[in-house]
Amino acid sequence: MCNGLIAKKIGMSRVFLENGDAVPVTYLEVEPNTVIRTKSKEKDGYDAVVLGVKPKKWKTRKGNEHTRYGDIKEWKVDSLEGLEAGKTLDVAKFIKEATIAVTGKSKGKGFQGVIKRHNFSRGPTTHGSHHHRRTGSIGMCEFPGRVMKGKKMPGRMGGDNVTIKGRQIMECDAEKGLIAVKGPIPGTNGGNVYITLETTE
């Protein structure tokens, strides 16, 4: 059984509970995930499946047919039973109130300073101070005579793979392939995310 699927982030909305509370949710669209290939312990050292979405087919001049997928992702599995190449997986097993982990690429913010990137505090704004949004000290003088590795400094922000665990499924429409996940999810609207089933309780 494969506990993961490739989905597309649509956007945020809200759902109302029975007591009237409004809960923010993110809607995900799960297109049919096709098993491209399988990996076995005998050949590759572990059992896994490679899933793909948005297949695009074309023929060469010689008449050979090729298929290219818009996105592919590998998931490790306990057993390869029922996961033959060419089989299509859907969202049916992602039931309501199940818990999933979501991995997406965060929005890129470009080159940012330490206040926005690392949540530093700003300096004084008056009385002749010019230390408004500066970094401050980045190390000692003679010893060690260098900037320590990993020092928080200005730089590129965002564009990282982020995984959020413990997200609850609020709604699931298997016919339309839609999932409503509680809370925000990293990534842009229209971008692909990877969902992994954690529990079914």
Protein backbone atom coordinates (compact mmCIF):
# COMPACT_ATOMS: atom_id res chain seq x y z
CA MET A 1 0.00 0.00 0.00
CA CYS A 2 1.28 3.46 -0.94
CA ASN A 3 0.49 6.15 1.65
CA GLY A 4 1.55 9.09 -0.51
CA LEU A 5 0.14 11.07 -3.43
CA ILE A 6 1.03 14.10 -5.54
CA ALA A 7 -1.52 16.92 -5.22
CA LYS A 8 -1.96 20.50 -6.44
CA LYS A 9 -2.59 23.39 -4.08
CA ILE A 10 -5.69 25.33 -5.15
CA GLY A 11 -6.06 27.95 -2.40
CA MET A 12 -7.46 28.69 1.03
CA SER A 13 -11.05 28.91 2.23
CA ARG A 14 -12.97 28.01 5.38
CA VAL A 15 -15.42 25.40 6.57
CA PHE A 16 -17.94 25.66 9.38
CA LEU A 17 -18.21 23.07 12.13
CA GLU A 18 -21.47 21.95 13.71
CA ASN A 19 -21.01 24.38 16.60
CA GLY A 20 -20.60 27.30 14.18
CA ASP A 21 -16.83 27.70 14.42
CA ALA A 22 -15.07 28.71 11.20
CA VAL A 23 -11.93 26.68 10.46
CA PRO A 24 -9.41 27.84 7.82
CA VAL A 25 -8.61 25.12 5.27
CA THR A 26 -6.45 24.67 2.20
CA TYR A 27 -7.98 22.86 -0.76
CA LEU A 28 -5.85 20.33 -2.62
CA GLU A 29 -6.70 18.75 -5.96
CA VAL A 30 -5.47 15.18 -6.40
CA GLU A 31 -5.26 14.15 -10.04
CA PRO A 32 -4.89 10.45 -10.90
CA ASN A 33 -1.44 9.30 -9.80
CA THR A 34 0.05 6.71 -12.15
CA VAL A 35 2.59 4.13 -10.97
CA ILE A 36 5.52 4.72 -13.33
CA ARG A 37 7.82 2.05 -11.94
CA THR A 38 8.45 -0.05 -8.85
CA LYS A 39 11.61 -0.80 -6.89
CA SER A 40 12.15 -4.10 -5.08
CA LYS A 41 14.46 -5.28 -2.31
CA GLU A 42 16.03 -7.88 -4.60
CA LYS A 43 17.03 -5.36 -7.26
CA ASP A 44 17.24 -1.98 -5.52
CA GLY A 45 17.60 -2.86 -1.83
CA TYR A 46 14.20 -1.48 -0.77
CA ASP A 47 10.56 -1.53 -1.85
CA ALA A 48 9.23 1.68 -3.36
CA VAL A 49 6.93 3.06 -6.04
CA VAL A 50 7.44 6.05 -8.31
CA LEU A 51 4.26 8.02 -9.00
CA GLY A 52 3.66 10.52 -11.79
CA VAL A 53 0.95 13.04 -12.69
CA LYS A 54 -0.05 15.00 -15.80
CA PRO A 55 1.21 12.57 -18.46
CA LYS A 56 1.91 13.98 -21.89
CA LYS A 57 2.33 11.62 -24.84
CA TRP A 58 3.82 12.21 -28.28
CA LYS A 59 5.16 10.17 -31.17
CA THR A 60 8.50 10.42 -32.91
CA ARG A 61 8.99 10.29 -36.65
CA LYS A 62 9.63 6.57 -36.41
CA GLY A 63 6.28 6.09 -34.69
CA ASN A 64 7.64 5.38 -31.21
CA GLU A 65 5.39 6.65 -28.43
CA HIS A 66 6.91 8.51 -25.49
CA THR A 67 5.36 9.71 -22.22
CA ARG A 68 6.60 12.55 -20.05
CA TYR A 69 5.10 13.38 -16.65
CA GLY A 70 4.67 16.84 -15.20
CA ASP A 71 5.93 15.73 -11.78
CA ILE A 72 7.20 12.47 -10.29
CA LYS A 73 7.82 11.38 -6.70
CA GLU A 74 9.05 8.21 -5.01
CA TRP A 75 7.52 6.68 -1.88
CA LYS A 76 8.78 3.72 0.10
CA VAL A 77 6.21 0.99 0.73
CA ASP A 78 5.98 -2.12 2.90
CA SER A 79 4.66 -4.30 0.10
CA LEU A 80 4.42 -4.04 -3.69
CA GLU A 81 1.22 -6.05 -3.81
CA GLY A 82 -1.32 -4.37 -6.09
CA LEU A 83 1.12 -1.65 -7.16
CA GLU A 84 2.02 -2.75 -10.66
CA ALA A 85 3.37 -0.26 -13.19
CA GLY A 86 0.54 1.51 -14.99
CA LYS A 87 -1.93 1.33 -12.10
CA THR A 88 -3.71 4.55 -11.11
CA LEU A 89 -4.06 5.67 -7.48
CA ASP A 90 -6.72 8.09 -6.25
CA VAL A 91 -7.71 9.94 -3.09
CA ALA A 92 -10.18 7.33 -1.80
CA LYS A 93 -7.99 6.21 1.14
CA PHE A 94 -7.59 9.78 2.47
CA ILE A 95 -10.70 9.75 4.62
CA LYS A 96 -12.10 12.59 6.73
CA GLU A 97 -10.34 13.32 10.07
CA ALA A 98 -7.22 11.42 8.97
CA THR A 99 -3.84 13.03 9.68
CA ILE A 100 -1.36 13.74 6.89
CA ALA A 101 2.06 15.28 6.39
CA VAL A 102 2.38 17.83 3.58
CA THR A 103 5.63 18.75 1.80
CA GLY A 104 5.82 21.78 -0.47
CA LYS A 105 8.26 24.38 -1.74
CA SER A 106 7.87 27.62 0.19
CA LYS A 107 7.39 30.92 -1.60
CA GLY A 108 10.61 32.65 -2.61
CA LYS A 109 11.14 36.05 -0.94
CA GLY A 110 14.38 37.04 -2.68
CA PHE A 111 17.34 38.63 -0.88
CA GLN A 112 16.23 39.74 2.59
CA GLY A 113 17.85 41.28 5.64
CA VAL A 114 18.23 39.76 9.08
CA ILE A 115 15.06 41.34 10.50
CA LYS A 116 12.75 39.66 8.02
CA ARG A 117 14.85 36.54 7.45
CA HIS A 118 15.83 35.71 11.04
CA ASN A 119 13.41 37.83 13.10
CA PHE A 120 16.13 40.08 14.57
CA SER A 121 15.16 43.15 16.58
CA ARG A 122 15.81 46.56 15.04
CA GLY A 123 18.07 49.21 16.53
CA PRO A 124 17.20 52.71 17.78
CA THR A 125 15.53 54.99 15.25
CA THR A 126 16.38 58.38 16.81
CA HIS A 127 19.05 60.28 18.79
CA GLY A 128 21.61 60.07 15.99
CA SER A 129 21.58 56.29 15.67
CA HIS A 130 22.38 54.79 12.26
CA HIS A 131 21.86 51.22 13.46
CA HIS A 132 18.26 50.85 12.29
CA ARG A 133 18.16 47.47 10.54
CA ARG A 134 21.79 46.38 10.62
CA THR A 135 23.06 42.93 11.50
CA GLY A 136 25.30 43.93 14.38
CA SER A 137 28.37 42.04 15.53
CA ILE A 138 29.21 38.92 13.53
CA GLY A 139 32.08 37.63 15.69
CA MET A 140 35.17 38.38 17.76
CA CYS A 141 38.35 40.16 16.63
CA GLU A 142 41.73 38.41 16.79
CA PHE A 143 40.34 35.04 17.85
CA PRO A 144 39.01 33.15 15.98
CA GLY A 145 39.65 35.77 13.31
CA ARG A 146 36.83 34.56 11.07
CA VAL A 147 33.06 34.42 10.87
CA MET A 148 31.68 31.22 12.37
CA LYS A 149 29.95 28.84 9.99
CA GLY A 150 26.16 29.08 10.13
CA LYS A 151 26.08 32.70 11.32
CA LYS A 152 22.68 34.29 10.72
CA MET A 153 23.17 36.93 8.04
CA PRO A 154 21.27 38.50 5.13
CA GLY A 155 20.66 36.26 2.14
CA ARG A 156 18.15 34.47 -0.05
CA MET A 157 14.92 33.67 1.78
CA GLY A 158 12.31 31.07 0.89
CA GLY A 159 12.28 28.56 -1.92
CA ASP A 160 12.97 25.67 0.48
CA ASN A 161 11.28 22.30 0.82
CA VAL A 162 9.10 22.51 3.93
CA THR A 163 7.25 19.61 5.57
CA ILE A 164 4.33 20.21 7.93
CA LYS A 165 3.15 17.23 9.95
CA GLY A 166 -0.11 16.59 11.76
CA ARG A 167 -2.45 18.31 9.32
CA GLN A 168 -6.04 17.08 9.68
CA ILE A 169 -8.32 16.38 6.72
CA MET A 170 -11.56 18.31 7.20
CA GLU A 171 -13.32 17.27 3.97
CA CYS A 172 -12.68 14.73 1.24
CA ASP A 173 -14.49 14.44 -2.10
CA ALA A 174 -13.29 11.30 -3.86
CA GLU A 175 -15.34 11.94 -7.00
CA LYS A 176 -13.85 15.39 -7.65
CA GLY A 177 -10.47 14.49 -6.15
CA LEU A 178 -10.55 17.34 -3.62
CA ILE A 179 -9.17 17.41 -0.07
CA ALA A 180 -9.68 20.19 2.48
CA VAL A 181 -6.72 20.27 4.88
CA LYS A 182 -6.88 22.24 8.13
CA GLY A 183 -4.61 25.28 8.20
CA PRO A 184 -2.11 26.73 5.71
CA ILE A 185 0.25 24.71 3.52
CA PRO A 186 3.61 25.85 2.09
CA GLY A 187 3.81 26.70 -1.59
CA THR A 188 2.07 28.82 -4.19
CA ASN A 189 -1.43 28.31 -5.52
CA GLY A 190 -1.23 25.96 -8.47
CA GLY A 191 2.00 24.38 -7.25
CA ASN A 192 2.47 20.70 -6.50
CA VAL A 193 2.67 19.34 -2.96
CA TYR A 194 3.29 15.84 -1.65
CA ILE A 195 0.88 14.40 0.92
CA THR A 196 1.63 11.37 3.07
CA LEU A 197 -0.96 9.60 5.19
CA GLU A 198 0.05 9.41 8.88
CA THR A 199 -3.04 7.99 10.62
CA THR A 200 -6.55 6.95 9.68
CA GLU A 201 -8.16 7.54 13.07
